[in-house]
C-alpha atoms as a PDB file:
ATOM      1  CA  MET A   1     124.118 175.464-122.548  1.00  0.00           C
ATOM      2  CA  MET A   2     120.766 175.492-120.976  1.00  0.00           C
ATOM      3  CA  PRO A   3     118.785 178.454-121.950  1.00  0.00           C
ATOM      4  CA  ALA A   4     117.863 181.438-119.897  1.00  0.00           C
ATOM      5  CA  ALA A   5     114.559 180.936-118.545  1.00  0.00           C
ATOM      6  CA  ASP A   6     112.912 183.959-120.433  1.00  0.00           C
ATOM      7  CA  SER A   7     114.522 183.108-123.426  1.00  0.00           C
ATOM      8  CA  TRP A   8     110.592 181.800-124.816  1.00  0.00           C
ATOM      9  CA  ARG A   9     110.240 185.995-125.850  1.00  0.00           C
ATOM     10  CA  GLN A  10     112.861 185.864-128.459  1.00  0.00           C
ATOM     11  CA  PRO A  11     110.123 187.619-131.389  1.00  0.00           C
ATOM     12  CA  ASP A  12     111.627 184.661-133.933  1.00  0.00           C
ATOM     13  CA  ARG A  13     111.539 181.685-132.805  1.00  0.00           C
ATOM     14  CA  ARG A  14     109.124 178.591-133.532  1.00  0.00           C
ATOM     15  CA  PHE A  15     108.871 175.998-130.862  1.00  0.00           C
ATOM     16  CA  MET A  16     108.341 172.942-133.574  1.00  0.00           C
ATOM     17  CA  VAL A  17     106.520 169.588-131.359  1.00  0.00           C
ATOM     18  CA  THR A  18     107.900 167.294-133.828  1.00  0.00           C
ATOM     19  CA  GLY A  19     107.870 163.940-130.222  1.00  0.00           C
ATOM     20  CA  SER A  20     105.619 162.970-128.282  1.00  0.00           C
ATOM     21  CA  ALA A  21     105.051 164.415-124.579  1.00  0.00           C
ATOM     22  CA  GLY A  22     102.653 164.234-121.799  1.00  0.00           C
ATOM     23  CA  PRO A  23      99.786 166.628-121.585  1.00  0.00           C
ATOM     24  CA  ARG A  24     100.220 169.156-118.001  1.00  0.00           C
ATOM     25  CA  ASP A  25      97.793 171.566-116.226  1.00  0.00           C
ATOM     26  CA  ILE A  26      98.671 174.753-115.457  1.00  0.00           C
ATOM     27  CA  ARG A  27      97.683 175.175-111.070  1.00  0.00           C
ATOM     28  CA  ASP A  28      96.218 179.052-112.758  1.00  0.00           C
ATOM     29  CA  LEU A  29      93.209 177.270-114.632  1.00  0.00           C
ATOM     30  CA  MET A  30      92.486 174.334-112.595  1.00  0.00           C
ATOM     31  CA  GLY A  31      89.320 174.956-109.876  1.00  0.00           C
ATOM     32  CA  ARG A  32      88.733 178.143-111.281  1.00  0.00           C
ATOM     33  CA  PRO A  33      86.100 179.123-113.824  1.00  0.00           C
ATOM     34  CA  PHE A  34      87.892 179.903-116.974  1.00  0.00           C
ATOM     35  CA  PHE A  35      85.736 178.010-119.115  1.00  0.00           C
ATOM     36  CA  ALA A  36      82.728 177.273-120.467  1.00  0.00           C
ATOM     37  CA  LEU A  37      81.816 173.481-118.005  1.00  0.00           C
ATOM     38  CA  GLY A  38      78.418 173.265-121.257  1.00  0.00           C
ATOM     39  CA  HIS A  39      78.601 170.773-124.206  1.00  0.00           C
ATOM     40  CA  MET A  40      76.132 174.046-126.001  1.00  0.00           C
ATOM     41  CA  ALA A  41      78.178 177.295-127.123  1.00  0.00           C
ATOM     42  CA  ARG A  42      78.222 179.188-124.247  1.00  0.00           C
ATOM     43  CA  LEU A  43      77.563 183.746-124.947  1.00  0.00           C
ATOM     44  CA  GLU A  44      76.892 185.094-121.805  1.00  0.00           C
ATOM     45  CA  PRO A  45      80.790 186.793-120.255  1.00  0.00           C
ATOM     46  CA  LEU A  46      81.793 184.542-117.534  1.00  0.00           C
ATOM     47  CA  ARG A  47      82.570 187.803-113.999  1.00  0.00           C
ATOM     48  CA  TYR A  48      83.846 186.162-110.621  1.00  0.00           C
ATOM     49  CA  ARG A  49      85.572 187.768-108.066  1.00  0.00           C
ATOM     50  CA  SER A  50      86.969 186.525-105.168  1.00  0.00           C
ATOM     51  CA  ARG A  51      89.163 189.075-102.803  1.00  0.00           C
ATOM     52  CA  GLN A  52      92.380 187.338-103.703  1.00  0.00           C
ATOM     53  CA  MET A  53      91.107 187.836-107.776  1.00  0.00           C
ATOM     54  CA  GLU A  54      88.820 188.811-110.456  1.00  0.00           C
ATOM     55  CA  ILE A  55      87.907 186.967-113.830  1.00  0.00           C
ATOM     56  CA  VAL A  56      86.063 188.073-116.373  1.00  0.00           C
ATOM     57  CA  VAL A  57      85.812 185.270-119.769  1.00  0.00           C
ATOM     58  CA  GLU A  58      83.721 186.927-122.326  1.00  0.00           C
ATOM     59  CA  ALA A  59      82.234 184.607-125.398  1.00  0.00           C
ATOM     60  CA  SER A  60      82.112 185.047-129.216  1.00  0.00           C
ATOM     61  CA  ALA A  61      79.153 185.091-130.608  1.00  0.00           C
ATOM     62  CA  PRO A  62      78.172 182.118-132.356  1.00  0.00           C
ATOM     63  CA  LEU A  63      81.397 180.064-131.550  1.00  0.00           C
ATOM     64  CA  GLY A  64      81.133 180.926-128.214  1.00  0.00           C
ATOM     65  CA  MET A  65      83.677 180.056-124.719  1.00  0.00           C
ATOM     66  CA  ALA A  66      86.628 177.941-125.278  1.00  0.00           C
ATOM     67  CA  THR A  67      84.906 175.438-123.411  1.00  0.00           C
ATOM     68  CA  ILE A  68      87.577 172.726-121.007  1.00  0.00           C
ATOM     69  CA  ARG A  69      87.045 170.395-123.641  1.00  0.00           C
ATOM     70  CA  ASP A  70      89.086 172.528-125.606  1.00  0.00           C
ATOM     71  CA  ALA A  71      91.696 173.091-123.472  1.00  0.00           C
ATOM     72  CA  ASP A  72      92.382 169.729-123.972  1.00  0.00           C
ATOM     73  CA  ILE A  73      95.022 171.714-126.429  1.00  0.00           C
ATOM     74  CA  LEU A  74      96.362 173.933-124.214  1.00  0.00           C
ATOM     75  CA  LEU A  75      97.408 171.153-121.478  1.00  0.00           C
ATOM     76  CA  TRP A  76      98.912 169.217-124.867  1.00  0.00           C
ATOM     77  CA  LEU A  77     101.313 172.163-125.404  1.00  0.00           C
ATOM     78  CA  THR A  78     101.831 172.585-122.044  1.00  0.00           C
ATOM     79  CA  GLY A  79     103.340 169.664-121.955  1.00  0.00           C
ATOM     80  CA  GLN A  80     105.382 170.094-124.655  1.00  0.00           C
ATOM     81  CA  ILE A  81     107.240 172.871-123.032  1.00  0.00           C
ATOM     82  CA  VAL A  82     107.642 171.356-120.406  1.00  0.00           C
ATOM     83  CA  ASP A  83     109.074 168.146-121.793  1.00  0.00           C
ATOM     84  CA  ALA A  84     111.180 170.021-124.208  1.00  0.00           C
ATOM     85  CA  LEU A  85     112.464 171.911-120.434  1.00  0.00           C
ATOM     86  CA  ASN A  86     113.143 169.471-119.110  1.00  0.00           C
ATOM     87  CA  HIS A  87     115.722 168.362-122.213  1.00  0.00           C
ATOM     88  CA  ASP A  88     116.739 171.776-121.928  1.00  0.00           C
ATOM     89  CA  LEU A  89     115.284 172.809-125.008  1.00  0.00           C
ATOM     90  CA  TRP A  90     114.115 176.030-125.917  1.00  0.00           C
ATOM     91  CA  VAL A  91     110.923 176.926-126.799  1.00  0.00           C
ATOM     92  CA  SER A  92     108.827 179.656-127.970  1.00  0.00           C
ATOM     93  CA  ARG A  93     105.285 181.584-127.298  1.00  0.00           C
ATOM     94  CA  HIS A  94     105.764 180.689-131.457  1.00  0.00           C
ATOM     95  CA  VAL A  95     103.819 176.668-131.182  1.00  0.00           C
ATOM     96  CA  ARG A  96     103.601 175.188-135.100  1.00  0.00           C
ATOM     97  CA  PHE A  97     102.360 171.127-134.768  1.00  0.00           C
ATOM     98  CA  THR A  98     100.998 168.895-137.012  1.00  0.00           C
ATOM     99  CA  PRO A  99      97.697 167.418-136.178  1.00  0.00           C
ATOM    100  CA  TRP A 100      98.074 164.231-136.445  1.00  0.00           C
ATOM    101  CA  ARG A 101     101.220 164.663-133.607  1.00  0.00           C
ATOM    102  CA  LEU A 102      98.326 166.371-131.009  1.00  0.00           C
ATOM    103  CA  PHE A 103      95.447 163.123-131.916  1.00  0.00           C
ATOM    104  CA  GLN A 104      98.226 160.368-131.278  1.00  0.00           C
ATOM    105  CA  ASP A 105      99.237 162.343-127.248  1.00  0.00           C
ATOM    106  CA  LEU A 106      95.158 162.769-126.505  1.00  0.00           C
ATOM    107  CA  GLY A 107      94.365 159.468-127.945  1.00  0.00           C
ATOM    108  CA  TRP A 108      91.638 161.380-130.409  1.00  0.00           C
ATOM    109  CA  ALA A 109      90.697 159.285-133.557  1.00  0.00           C
ATOM    110  CA  ASP A 110      92.357 160.874-136.733  1.00  0.00           C
ATOM    111  CA  GLY A 111      89.937 161.553-139.175  1.00  0.00           C
ATOM    112  CA  ALA A 112      86.895 164.426-140.205  1.00  0.00           C
ATOM    113  CA  HIS A 113      84.654 163.916-137.963  1.00  0.00           C
ATOM    114  CA  GLN A 114      88.577 164.872-135.710  1.00  0.00           C
ATOM    115  CA  TYR A 115      89.509 167.774-137.602  1.00  0.00           C
ATOM    116  CA  ARG A 116      86.026 169.713-136.825  1.00  0.00           C
ATOM    117  CA  ARG A 117      86.455 169.109-133.487  1.00  0.00           C
ATOM    118  CA  LEU A 118      89.966 170.493-133.554  1.00  0.00           C
ATOM    119  CA  TYR A 119      89.300 173.286-135.750  1.00  0.00           C
ATOM    120  CA  GLY A 120      86.601 174.531-133.581  1.00  0.00           C
ATOM    121  CA  ALA A 121      87.958 174.384-130.329  1.00  0.00           C
ATOM    122  CA  LEU A 122      90.648 176.164-131.920  1.00  0.00           C
ATOM    123  CA  ALA A 123      88.656 178.554-132.867  1.00  0.00           C
ATOM    124  CA  ARG A 124      86.686 178.699-129.779  1.00  0.00           C
ATOM    125  CA  LEU A 125      90.472 179.079-128.153  1.00  0.00           C
ATOM    126  CA  ALA A 126      91.585 181.767-130.358  1.00  0.00           C
ATOM    127  CA  GLU A 127      87.583 184.185-129.663  1.00  0.00           C
ATOM    128  CA  THR A 128      87.880 183.731-126.303  1.00  0.00           C
ATOM    129  CA  ARG A 129      89.019 186.718-124.282  1.00  0.00           C
ATOM    130  CA  VAL A 130      90.796 185.802-120.790  1.00  0.00           C
ATOM    131  CA  THR A 131      91.045 189.536-118.585  1.00  0.00           C
ATOM    132  CA  THR A 132      91.608 188.274-114.621  1.00  0.00           C
ATOM    133  CA  SER A 133      93.735 190.306-111.455  1.00  0.00           C
ATOM    134  CA  LEU A 134      95.776 186.522-111.734  1.00  0.00           C
ATOM    135  CA  ARG A 135      99.368 187.186-111.777  1.00  0.00           C
ATOM    136  CA  GLN A 136      98.851 190.550-113.649  1.00  0.00           C
ATOM    137  CA  GLY A 137      99.294 193.805-111.451  1.00  0.00           C
ATOM    138  CA  PRO A 138      97.165 196.480-111.158  1.00  0.00           C
ATOM    139  CA  GLU A 139      96.757 197.504-114.385  1.00  0.00           C
ATOM    140  CA  TRP A 140      95.248 193.739-114.996  1.00  0.00           C
ATOM    141  CA  ARG A 141      92.292 195.328-116.776  1.00  0.00           C
ATOM    142  CA  ASP A 142      94.702 196.867-119.735  1.00  0.00           C
ATOM    143  CA  LYS A 143      95.435 193.176-120.584  1.00  0.00           C
ATOM    144  CA  PRO A 144      93.700 191.218-121.709  1.00  0.00           C
ATOM    145  CA  PHE A 145      93.975 188.136-123.439  1.00  0.00           C
ATOM    146  CA  ALA A 146      92.871 185.307-126.160  1.00  0.00           C
ATOM    147  CA  TRP A 147      94.364 181.880-125.167  1.00  0.00           C
ATOM    148  CA  ILE A 148      95.565 181.300-128.632  1.00  0.00           C
ATOM    149  CA  SER A 149      95.890 184.081-131.746  1.00  0.00           C
ATOM    150  CA  ASP A 150      98.015 184.521-134.926  1.00  0.00           C
ATOM    151  CA  VAL A 151      96.036 180.917-135.431  1.00  0.00           C
ATOM    152  CA  ARG A 152      97.318 179.680-139.510  1.00  0.00           C
ATOM    153  CA  ILE A 153      96.224 176.540-141.023  1.00  0.00           C
ATOM    154  CA  SER A 154      97.369 174.567-143.969  1.00  0.00           C
ATOM    155  CA  ARG A 155      97.132 171.416-145.563  1.00  0.00           C
ATOM    156  CA  GLU A 156     101.610 171.135-145.894  1.00  0.00           C
ATOM    157  CA  ASP A 157     102.681 171.833-142.388  1.00  0.00           C
ATOM    158  CA  GLY A 158      99.575 171.922-140.044  1.00  0.00           C
ATOM    159  CA  VAL A 159      98.773 174.490-137.382  1.00  0.00           C
ATOM    160  CA  ALA A 160     100.126 177.856-136.337  1.00  0.00           C
ATOM    161  CA  LEU A 161      99.896 179.268-133.505  1.00  0.00           C
ATOM    162  CA  THR A 162     101.593 181.890-130.643  1.00  0.00           C
ATOM    163  CA  LEU A 163     100.638 181.109-126.841  1.00  0.00           C
ATOM    164  CA  PRO A 164     100.009 184.166-124.583  1.00  0.00           C
ATOM    165  CA  ASP A 165     102.392 185.790-121.887  1.00  0.00           C
ATOM    166  CA  TRP A 166     100.423 184.571-119.192  1.00  0.00           C
ATOM    167  CA  LEU A 167      99.672 181.306-120.185  1.00  0.00           C
ATOM    168  CA  MET A 168     103.752 180.878-121.160  1.00  0.00           C
ATOM    169  CA  GLU A 169     104.883 181.897-117.668  1.00  0.00           C
ATOM    170  CA  VAL A 170     103.446 180.103-115.979  1.00  0.00           C
ATOM    171  CA  ALA A 171     104.180 176.941-118.280  1.00  0.00           C
ATOM    172  CA  CYS A 172     108.049 178.223-117.965  1.00  0.00           C
ATOM    173  CA  ASP A 173     107.662 177.700-113.965  1.00  0.00           C
ATOM    174  CA  ARG A 174     107.610 173.571-113.677  1.00  0.00           C
ATOM    175  CA  SER A 175     106.669 174.772-110.364  1.00  0.00           C
ATOM    176  CA  HIS A 176     102.969 176.192-111.783  1.00  0.00           C
ATOM    177  CA  VAL A 177     102.160 172.740-113.411  1.00  0.00           C
ATOM    178  CA  LEU A 178     100.674 169.291-112.771  1.00  0.00           C
ATOM    179  CA  SER A 179     100.745 166.429-114.410  1.00  0.00           C
ATOM    180  CA  VAL A 180      97.105 164.617-116.097  1.00  0.00           C
ATOM    181  CA  ASP A 181      95.945 161.239-115.886  1.00  0.00           C
ATOM    182  CA  PRO A 182      95.167 160.243-119.098  1.00  0.00           C
ATOM    183  CA  ALA A 183      91.965 158.537-117.814  1.00  0.00           C
ATOM    184  CA  TYR A 184      91.262 162.770-117.731  1.00  0.00           C
ATOM    185  CA  PHE A 185      90.508 162.709-121.947  1.00  0.00           C
ATOM    186  CA  ARG A 186      88.670 159.978-121.938  1.00  0.00           C
ATOM    187  CA  LEU A 187      86.148 161.770-119.285  1.00  0.00           C
ATOM    188  CA  TYR A 188      83.016 163.148-121.294  1.00  0.00           C
ATOM    189  CA  GLY A 189      81.208 165.924-118.849  1.00  0.00           C
ATOM    190  CA  GLY A 190      82.575 169.679-118.256  1.00  0.00           C
ATOM    191  CA  LEU A 191      81.430 169.269-114.828  1.00  0.00           C
ATOM    192  CA  GLU A 192      83.527 165.575-114.304  1.00  0.00           C
ATOM    193  CA  ARG A 193      86.615 167.240-116.318  1.00  0.00           C
ATOM    194  CA  TRP A 194      85.938 170.536-113.090  1.00  0.00           C
ATOM    195  CA  LEU A 195      85.518 168.129-110.754  1.00  0.00           C
ATOM    196  CA  TYR A 196      88.871 166.343-111.793  1.00  0.00           C
ATOM    197  CA  ARG A 197      90.394 169.729-112.498  1.00  0.00           C
ATOM    198  CA  LEU A 198      89.717 170.223-108.824  1.00  0.00           C
ATOM    199  CA  ALA A 199      91.413 167.491-107.128  1.00  0.00           C
ATOM    200  CA  ARG A 200      94.256 167.247-108.641  1.00  0.00           C
ATOM    201  CA  ARG A 201      95.078 170.819-107.062  1.00  0.00           C
ATOM    202  CA  HIS A 202      93.761 170.431-103.737  1.00  0.00           C
ATOM    203  CA  ALA A 203      93.411 166.743-102.798  1.00  0.00           C
ATOM    204  CA  GLY A 204      96.465 165.666-104.586  1.00  0.00           C
ATOM    205  CA  ARG A 205      98.089 163.054-103.494  1.00  0.00           C
ATOM    206  CA  GLN A 206      97.572 163.609 -99.900  1.00  0.00           C
ATOM    207  CA  LYS A 207      96.470 160.783 -97.706  1.00  0.00           C
ATOM    208  CA  GLU A 208      93.698 162.780 -95.906  1.00  0.00           C
ATOM    209  CA  GLY A 209      92.407 164.799 -99.052  1.00  0.00           C
ATOM    210  CA  TRP A 210      90.806 168.104 -99.001  1.00  0.00           C
ATOM    211  CA  ARG A 211      86.865 169.255 -98.310  1.00  0.00           C
ATOM    212  CA  PHE A 212      84.946 172.127-100.635  1.00  0.00           C
ATOM    213  CA  ASP A 213      82.314 173.339 -99.841  1.00  0.00           C
ATOM    214  CA  LEU A 214      79.029 172.907-102.053  1.00  0.00           C
ATOM    215  CA  ARG A 215      77.735 176.791-102.035  1.00  0.00           C
ATOM    216  CA  ASP A 216      81.268 177.744-102.981  1.00  0.00           C
ATOM    217  CA  LEU A 217      82.838 175.092-105.917  1.00  0.00           C
ATOM    218  CA  HIS A 218      79.225 175.921-107.781  1.00  0.00           C
ATOM    219  CA  ALA A 219      79.754 179.867-107.865  1.00  0.00           C
ATOM    220  CA  ARG A 220      84.091 178.156-108.539  1.00  0.00           C
ATOM    221  CA  SER A 221      82.438 176.189-110.758  1.00  0.00           C
ATOM    222  CA  GLY A 222      81.074 178.682-113.011  1.00  0.00           C
ATOM    223  CA  THR A 223      77.682 176.836-113.971  1.00  0.00           C
ATOM    224  CA  LEU A 224      74.515 178.299-115.045  1.00  0.00           C
ATOM    225  CA  SER A 225      73.209 175.250-114.211  1.00  0.00           C
ATOM    226  CA  PRO A 226      70.507 176.311-111.008  1.00  0.00           C
ATOM    227  CA  TRP A 227      71.757 175.710-107.545  1.00  0.00           C
ATOM    228  CA  ARG A 228      69.799 172.316-107.225  1.00  0.00           C
ATOM    229  CA  ASN A 229      70.775 170.618-110.229  1.00  0.00           C
ATOM    230  CA  PHE A 230      74.466 171.368-109.465  1.00  0.00           C
ATOM    231  CA  VAL A 231      74.466 169.227-106.191  1.00  0.00           C
ATOM    232  CA  ILE A 232      72.241 166.712-107.800  1.00  0.00           C
ATOM    233  CA  ASP A 233      74.738 166.589-110.352  1.00  0.00           C
ATOM    234  CA  VAL A 234      78.443 166.502-108.501  1.00  0.00           C
ATOM    235  CA  ALA A 235      75.801 163.845-106.116  1.00  0.00           C
ATOM    236  CA  GLY A 236      75.157 161.730-108.982  1.00  0.00           C
ATOM    237  CA  ILE A 237      79.235 161.693-110.985  1.00  0.00           C
ATOM    238  CA  ALA A 238      80.338 161.096-106.482  1.00  0.00           C
ATOM    239  CA  ARG A 239      77.463 157.622-107.214  1.00  0.00           C
ATOM    240  CA  ARG A 240      79.614 156.508-109.917  1.00  0.00           C
ATOM    241  CA  GLN A 241      83.288 157.433-108.971  1.00  0.00           C
ATOM    242  CA  ILE A 242      83.552 158.213-112.564  1.00  0.00           C
ATOM    243  CA  VAL A 243      86.259 160.898-111.182  1.00  0.00           C
ATOM    244  CA  PRO A 244      90.065 159.302-111.872  1.00  0.00           C
ATOM    245  CA  GLY A 245      92.545 158.117-109.027  1.00  0.00           C
ATOM    246  CA  TYR A 246      89.948 160.153-106.339  1.00  0.00           C
ATOM    247  CA  ASP A 247      87.111 159.389-104.291  1.00  0.00           C
ATOM    248  CA  LEU A 248      84.138 161.681-104.321  1.00  0.00           C
ATOM    249  CA  LYS A 249      81.903 161.662-101.360  1.00  0.00           C
ATOM    250  CA  VAL A 250      78.727 164.585-100.247  1.00  0.00           C
ATOM    251  CA  ILE A 251      77.922 164.444 -97.048  1.00  0.00           C
ATOM    252  CA  SER A 252      75.520 166.437 -96.155  1.00  0.00           C
ATOM    253  CA  GLY A 253      73.844 167.485 -92.135  1.00  0.00           C
ATOM    254  CA  GLY A 254      75.397 170.432 -91.744  1.00  0.00           C
ATOM    255  CA  LYS A 255      74.270 173.736 -92.670  1.00  0.00           C
ATOM    256  CA  GLN A 256      76.230 173.206 -96.101  1.00  0.00           C
ATOM    257  CA  PRO A 257      76.655 170.097 -98.330  1.00  0.00           C
ATOM    258  CA  VAL A 258      80.673 169.777 -97.683  1.00  0.00           C
ATOM    259  CA  LEU A 259      82.688 167.687-101.481  1.00  0.00           C
ATOM    260  CA  ARG A 260      85.275 165.535 -99.938  1.00  0.00           C
ATOM    261  CA  ILE A 261      87.512 164.463-102.323  1.00  0.00           C
ATOM    262  CA  SER A 262      90.895 161.296-101.601  1.00  0.00           C
ATOM    263  CA  PRO A 263      93.846 160.054-103.132  1.00  0.00           C
ATOM    264  CA  THR A 264      93.012 156.659-104.867  1.00  0.00           C
ATOM    265  CA  VAL A 265      95.768 154.130-105.146  1.00  0.00           C
ATOM    266  CA  SER A 266      95.159 154.974-108.669  1.00  0.00           C
ATOM    267  CA  SER A 267      95.528 158.787-107.897  1.00  0.00           C
ATOM    268  CA  THR A 268      98.302 160.402-110.659  1.00  0.00           C
ATOM    269  CA  GLY A 269     101.360 161.749-109.509  1.00  0.00           C
ATOM    270  CA  SER A 270     104.157 164.896-110.150  1.00  0.00           C
ATOM    271  CA  VAL A 271     105.488 166.152-113.827  1.00  0.00           C
ATOM    272  CA  ASP A 272     108.639 165.304-112.812  1.00  0.00           C
ATOM    273  CA  ASN A 273     111.097 165.992-110.065  1.00  0.00           C
ATOM    274  CA  ARG A 274     111.572 169.441-110.177  1.00  0.00           C
ATOM    275  CA  VAL A 275     107.922 169.296-108.850  1.00  0.00           C
ATOM    276  CA  THR A 276     106.104 169.262-105.852  1.00  0.00           C
ATOM    277  CA  PRO A 277     102.126 168.279-106.227  1.00  0.00           C
ATOM    278  CA  ALA A 278     101.505 169.962-102.685  1.00  0.00           C
ATOM    279  CA  VAL A 279      98.108 171.800-102.063  1.00  0.00           C
ATOM    280  CA  GLY A 280      99.071 175.478-103.504  1.00  0.00           C
ATOM    281  CA  GLN A 281      98.408 178.201-100.082  1.00  0.00           C
ATOM    282  CA  ASP A 282      96.632 179.617-102.002  1.00  0.00           C
ATOM    283  CA  ALA A 283      93.127 177.638-102.860  1.00  0.00           C
ATOM    284  CA  GLU A 284      90.247 180.347-101.714  1.00  0.00           C
ATOM    285  CA  HIS A 285      86.782 178.866-101.470  1.00  0.00           C
ATOM    286  CA  THR A 286      87.204 175.753 -99.469  1.00  0.00           C
ATOM    287  CA  ILE A 287      86.666 175.012 -95.730  1.00  0.00           C
ATOM    288  CA  ALA A 288      89.957 174.691 -95.284  1.00  0.00           C
ATOM    289  CA  HIS A 289      92.887 176.572 -93.186  1.00  0.00           C
ATOM    290  CA  GLY A 290      93.095 179.566 -94.426  1.00  0.00           C
ATOM    291  CA  ALA A 291      90.106 179.587 -96.960  1.00  0.00           C
ATOM    292  CA  GLU A 292      88.962 182.425 -99.267  1.00  0.00           C
ATOM    293  CA  ILE A 293      85.381 184.098 -99.603  1.00  0.00           C
ATOM    294  CA  PRO A 294      83.678 184.605-102.322  1.00  0.00           C
ATOM    295  CA  LEU A 295      82.624 188.373-102.420  1.00  0.00           C
ATOM    296  CA  LEU A 296      80.511 187.773-106.417  1.00  0.00           C
ATOM    297  CA  THR A 297      79.698 184.730-108.160  1.00  0.00           C
ATOM    298  CA  VAL A 298      78.866 183.711-111.745  1.00  0.00           C
ATOM    299  CA  GLN A 299      77.091 186.596-112.729  1.00  0.00           C
ATOM    300  CA  LYS A 300      74.618 187.138-116.603  1.00  0.00           C
ATOM    301  CA  THR A 301      74.180 188.863-119.147  1.00  0.00           C
ATOM    302  CA  SER A 302      72.051 189.515-122.083  1.00  0.00           C
ATOM    303  CA  GLN A 303      75.758 191.738-123.700  1.00  0.00           C
ATOM    304  CA  SER A 304      78.134 189.978-126.045  1.00  0.00           C
ATOM    305  CA  VAL A 305      81.383 190.625-127.206  1.00  0.00           C
ATOM    306  CA  VAL A 306      81.182 190.136-131.079  1.00  0.00           C
ATOM    307  CA  SER A 307      84.890 189.261-132.566  1.00  0.00           C
ATOM    308  CA  LYS A 308      85.711 189.407-136.476  1.00  0.00           C
ATOM    309  CA  ARG A 309      89.196 187.244-136.056  1.00  0.00           C
ATOM    310  CA  GLY A 310      89.302 183.819-137.086  1.00  0.00           C
ATOM    311  CA  ILE A 311      91.926 180.861-138.797  1.00  0.00           C
ATOM    312  CA  ARG A 312      93.085 182.024-142.231  1.00  0.00           C
ATOM    313  CA  PRO A 313      95.473 179.709-143.931  1.00  0.00           C
ATOM    314  CA  VAL A 314      99.166 180.699-144.253  1.00  0.00           C
ATOM    315  CA  THR A 315     101.752 180.435-146.111  1.00  0.00           C
ATOM    316  CA  TYR A 316     105.352 178.773-145.521  1.00  0.00           C
ATOM    317  CA  ILE A 317     107.987 178.907-147.859  1.00  0.00           C
ATOM    318  CA  THR A 318     111.165 176.453-147.071  1.00  0.00           C
ATOM    319  CA  ASN A 319     111.438 178.777-143.459  1.00  0.00           C
ATOM    320  CA  ILE A 320     109.763 180.950-143.568  1.00  0.00           C
ATOM    321  CA  ILE A 321     106.290 181.619-142.001  1.00  0.00           C
ATOM    322  CA  THR A 322     104.690 184.186-143.438  1.00  0.00           C
ATOM    323  CA  TYR A 323     102.024 185.981-141.431  1.00  0.00           C
ATOM    324  CA  TYR A 324      99.299 188.484-142.369  1.00  0.00           C
ATOM    325  CA  VAL A 325      97.283 191.145-141.078  1.00  0.00           C
ATOM    326  CA  GLY A 326      93.821 192.416-141.728  1.00  0.00           C
ATOM    327  CA  ASP A 327      90.264 190.389-139.745  1.00  0.00           C
ATOM    328  CA  LEU A 328      90.326 186.638-139.909  1.00  0.00           C
ATOM    329  CA  GLU A 329      87.820 184.704-141.059  1.00  0.00           C
ATOM    330  CA  LEU A 330      86.414 181.679-139.887  1.00  0.00           C
ATOM    331  CA  PHE A 331      86.608 178.058-142.139  1.00  0.00           C
ATOM    332  CA  ALA A 332      84.320 176.154-141.708  1.00  0.00           C
ATOM    333  CA  SER A 333      86.039 172.569-143.471  1.00  0.00           C
ATOM    334  CA  LEU A 334      88.987 171.447-144.366  1.00  0.00           C
ATOM    335  CA  SER A 335      88.463 171.731-147.780  1.00  0.00           C
ATOM    336  CA  ALA A 336      87.386 176.215-147.440  1.00  0.00           C
ATOM    337  CA  ALA A 337      90.963 176.610-144.964  1.00  0.00           C
ATOM    338  CA  ARG A 338      92.893 175.604-148.598  1.00  0.00           C
ATOM    339  CA  SER A 339      92.077 177.711-151.066  1.00  0.00           C
ATOM    340  CA  GLY A 340      91.547 181.248-148.352  1.00  0.00           C
ATOM    341  CA  HIS A 341      94.179 183.825-149.219  1.00  0.00           C
ATOM    342  CA  GLY A 342      95.863 185.964-146.928  1.00  0.00           C
ATOM    343  CA  LYS A 343      96.707 189.746-147.410  1.00  0.00           C
ATOM    344  CA  LYS A 344      99.502 191.181-148.078  1.00  0.00           C
ATOM    345  CA  ALA A 345     101.968 190.475-145.215  1.00  0.00           C
ATOM    346  CA  ARG A 346     104.085 192.182-143.370  1.00  0.00           C
ATOM    347  CA  GLU A 347     106.612 190.209-141.456  1.00  0.00           C
ATOM    348  CA  ALA A 348     108.759 187.385-142.433  1.00  0.00           C
ATOM    349  CA  VAL A 349     110.650 185.901-139.115  1.00  0.00           C
ATOM    350  CA  ALA A 350     112.779 182.972-140.174  1.00  0.00           C
ATOM    351  CA  ASP A 351     111.245 179.439-138.514  1.00  0.00           C
ATOM    352  CA  ARG A 352     114.611 177.513-136.273  1.00  0.00           C
ATOM    353  CA  LEU A 353     113.943 174.128-136.056  1.00  0.00           C
ATOM    354  CA  VAL A 354     113.944 174.008-131.977  1.00  0.00           C
ATOM    355  CA  GLY A 355     111.573 171.177-130.058  1.00  0.00           C
ATOM    356  CA  VAL A 356     111.487 168.287-128.886  1.00  0.00           C
ATOM    357  CA  PRO A 357     113.887 166.026-130.163  1.00  0.00           C
END
């Protein structure tokens, strides 16, 4: 029997990742400023506003804001959720997986460096606070969320975490999900990664492609790079043609330079037959019909949000997951994470083995 559409809301279920699945991206996150693009820790809050939405992303010191490379974990988990739903399996916002499975699917080399990368990404995703009016209703300011929460790592059972309701809502509605070209994960720079996601969402596989005003893209990217440097960087990416599946060209001569994106023969397809790759109707900041005019570009302030939350190990006893309360600390190494001790348990939830066969 096919699970109910809102089956993921059941609190006593945990989604076990046991098989391989292709990563998927969420339309709402593509081409919008939800992640830092640079490799250095970003502490400045990101504030973005248009006529249709507002986005506020706040970073915690000293870790900084979650980066677009850290988002690979979210793309991978979304792919696992979609694959399970396609097989009529139950899913849950409470997820458990082994690092090895993630490394295999994303092409990460299994080693100490990749474990450090994973721990850093999990910490930044847990410490980044997001507030947005997108799909949140009039009370959106009262609904901040972190990309992941309740993160626990153990030597025996791998990683356990909880995804926010906001992400689960759109991930389980497969019309809001798109496939990702495997070459995307080999892109190093944050800007070219962001441009691919922008192209994948708006240009898709349309023969005519899509055009964007570069001034608007500068605001929408959330980059801290000055306007002039941003144009130079985009022109360099277009000249090297390194965005997989798309041809980029900067057109100058008008009032503002324009970026033209056209799909190539190798462009990716949709996730499956249930998902259409058509461009969304809320394509803001473009020079196409129905474009949205930004009210406020990215702002930088000196104020940062400091949080004491972090990652602490969890103790697994047979099929019982023990949850800990209180402040969490970030352990810098695997050995430290393995030797930590939790506080008094508040509740235990039965771990039902569900997931991709």
